[in-house]
Amino acid sequence: MKLNGETVTLTEETTLVSFLENNGYSSNKIAVELNGDIIPRSRYASVILTDADKLEVVCFVGGG
């Protein structure tokens, strides 16, 4: 799988929410694109990732 352009090996299919939690992402501070489509937060638990997917995760940062 590609995560933000880097190769990551998935040993088994996993839900998007589990993958994000296991990799230290806070789901209320990110936007996720999977294979070119923006995934609504409400679908994170039902989306299954495979090793063939391309995932882009963008973190929101505050500033002034």
C-alpha atoms as a PDB file:
ATOM      1  CA  MET A   1       0.000   0.000   0.000  1.00  0.00           C
ATOM      2  CA  LYS A   2       1.098   3.581  -0.521  1.00  0.00           C
ATOM      3  CA  LEU A   3       0.708   5.988   2.402  1.00  0.00           C
ATOM      4  CA  ASN A   4       1.482   9.597   1.498  1.00  0.00           C
ATOM      5  CA  GLY A   5       3.736   8.348  -1.297  1.00  0.00           C
ATOM      6  CA  GLU A   6       5.670   5.862   0.865  1.00  0.00           C
ATOM      7  CA  THR A   7       5.315   2.094   0.588  1.00  0.00           C
ATOM      8  CA  VAL A   8       3.732   0.453   3.636  1.00  0.00           C
ATOM      9  CA  THR A   9       3.151  -3.299   3.780  1.00  0.00           C
ATOM     10  CA  LEU A  10      -0.187  -4.494   5.076  1.00  0.00           C
ATOM     11  CA  THR A  11      -0.025  -8.076   6.305  1.00  0.00           C
ATOM     12  CA  GLU A  12      -3.818  -8.360   6.268  1.00  0.00           C
ATOM     13  CA  GLU A  13      -6.851  -6.328   5.313  1.00  0.00           C
ATOM     14  CA  THR A  14      -7.826  -3.814   7.979  1.00  0.00           C
ATOM     15  CA  THR A  15     -10.408  -1.092   8.464  1.00  0.00           C
ATOM     16  CA  LEU A  16      -9.401   2.464   7.782  1.00  0.00           C
ATOM     17  CA  VAL A  17     -10.201   3.508  11.353  1.00  0.00           C
ATOM     18  CA  SER A  18      -7.983   0.746  12.794  1.00  0.00           C
ATOM     19  CA  PHE A  19      -5.131   1.628  10.459  1.00  0.00           C
ATOM     20  CA  LEU A  20      -5.324   5.303  11.370  1.00  0.00           C
ATOM     21  CA  GLU A  21      -5.462   4.602  15.120  1.00  0.00           C
ATOM     22  CA  ASN A  22      -2.569   2.117  14.924  1.00  0.00           C
ATOM     23  CA  ASN A  23      -0.461   4.707  13.093  1.00  0.00           C
ATOM     24  CA  GLY A  24      -1.099   7.558  15.528  1.00  0.00           C
ATOM     25  CA  TYR A  25      -3.597   9.617  13.545  1.00  0.00           C
ATOM     26  CA  SER A  26      -6.392  11.445  15.358  1.00  0.00           C
ATOM     27  CA  SER A  27      -9.445  11.064  13.113  1.00  0.00           C
ATOM     28  CA  ASN A  28     -10.884  14.455  14.074  1.00  0.00           C
ATOM     29  CA  LYS A  29      -7.780  16.306  12.830  1.00  0.00           C
ATOM     30  CA  ILE A  30      -7.256  14.701   9.417  1.00  0.00           C
ATOM     31  CA  ALA A  31      -8.667  14.355   5.938  1.00  0.00           C
ATOM     32  CA  VAL A  32      -8.307  11.051   4.096  1.00  0.00           C
ATOM     33  CA  GLU A  33      -8.151  10.323   0.378  1.00  0.00           C
ATOM     34  CA  LEU A  34      -8.283   6.676  -0.695  1.00  0.00           C
ATOM     35  CA  ASN A  35      -7.535   5.805  -4.317  1.00  0.00           C
ATOM     36  CA  GLY A  36      -8.414   9.353  -5.387  1.00  0.00           C
ATOM     37  CA  ASP A  37     -11.656   9.663  -3.403  1.00  0.00           C
ATOM     38  CA  ILE A  38     -12.175  11.700  -0.232  1.00  0.00           C
ATOM     39  CA  ILE A  39     -13.534   9.407   2.497  1.00  0.00           C
ATOM     40  CA  PRO A  40     -16.077  10.920   4.911  1.00  0.00           C
ATOM     41  CA  ARG A  41     -15.218  10.360   8.585  1.00  0.00           C
ATOM     42  CA  SER A  42     -18.543   8.546   9.004  1.00  0.00           C
ATOM     43  CA  ARG A  43     -17.244   5.757   6.713  1.00  0.00           C
ATOM     44  CA  TYR A  44     -13.819   5.176   8.332  1.00  0.00           C
ATOM     45  CA  ALA A  45     -15.046   2.108  10.243  1.00  0.00           C
ATOM     46  CA  SER A  46     -16.557   0.427   7.176  1.00  0.00           C
ATOM     47  CA  VAL A  47     -13.769   1.041   4.641  1.00  0.00           C
ATOM     48  CA  ILE A  48     -11.425  -1.946   4.273  1.00  0.00           C
ATOM     49  CA  LEU A  49      -7.823  -1.284   3.222  1.00  0.00           C
ATOM     50  CA  THR A  50      -5.775  -3.708   1.143  1.00  0.00           C
ATOM     51  CA  ASP A  51      -2.128  -3.766   0.133  1.00  0.00           C
ATOM     52  CA  ALA A  52      -3.112  -2.456  -3.334  1.00  0.00           C
ATOM     53  CA  ASP A  53      -4.564   0.841  -2.022  1.00  0.00           C
ATOM     54  CA  LYS A  54      -3.161   4.366  -2.256  1.00  0.00           C
ATOM     55  CA  LEU A  55      -3.884   6.391   0.889  1.00  0.00           C
ATOM     56  CA  GLU A  56      -3.219  10.078   1.448  1.00  0.00           C
ATOM     57  CA  VAL A  57      -3.662  11.468   4.963  1.00  0.00           C
ATOM     58  CA  VAL A  58      -3.544  15.221   5.526  1.00  0.00           C
ATOM     59  CA  CYS A  59      -3.283  16.574   9.073  1.00  0.00           C
ATOM     60  CA  PHE A  60      -4.812  19.926   9.972  1.00  0.00           C
ATOM     61  CA  VAL A  61      -2.562  22.348  11.840  1.00  0.00           C
ATOM     62  CA  GLY A  62      -3.482  25.600  13.518  1.00  0.00           C
ATOM     63  CA  GLY A  63      -1.605  28.805  13.221  1.00  0.00           C
ATOM     64  CA  GLY A  64      -1.980  32.477  13.138  1.00  0.00           C
END
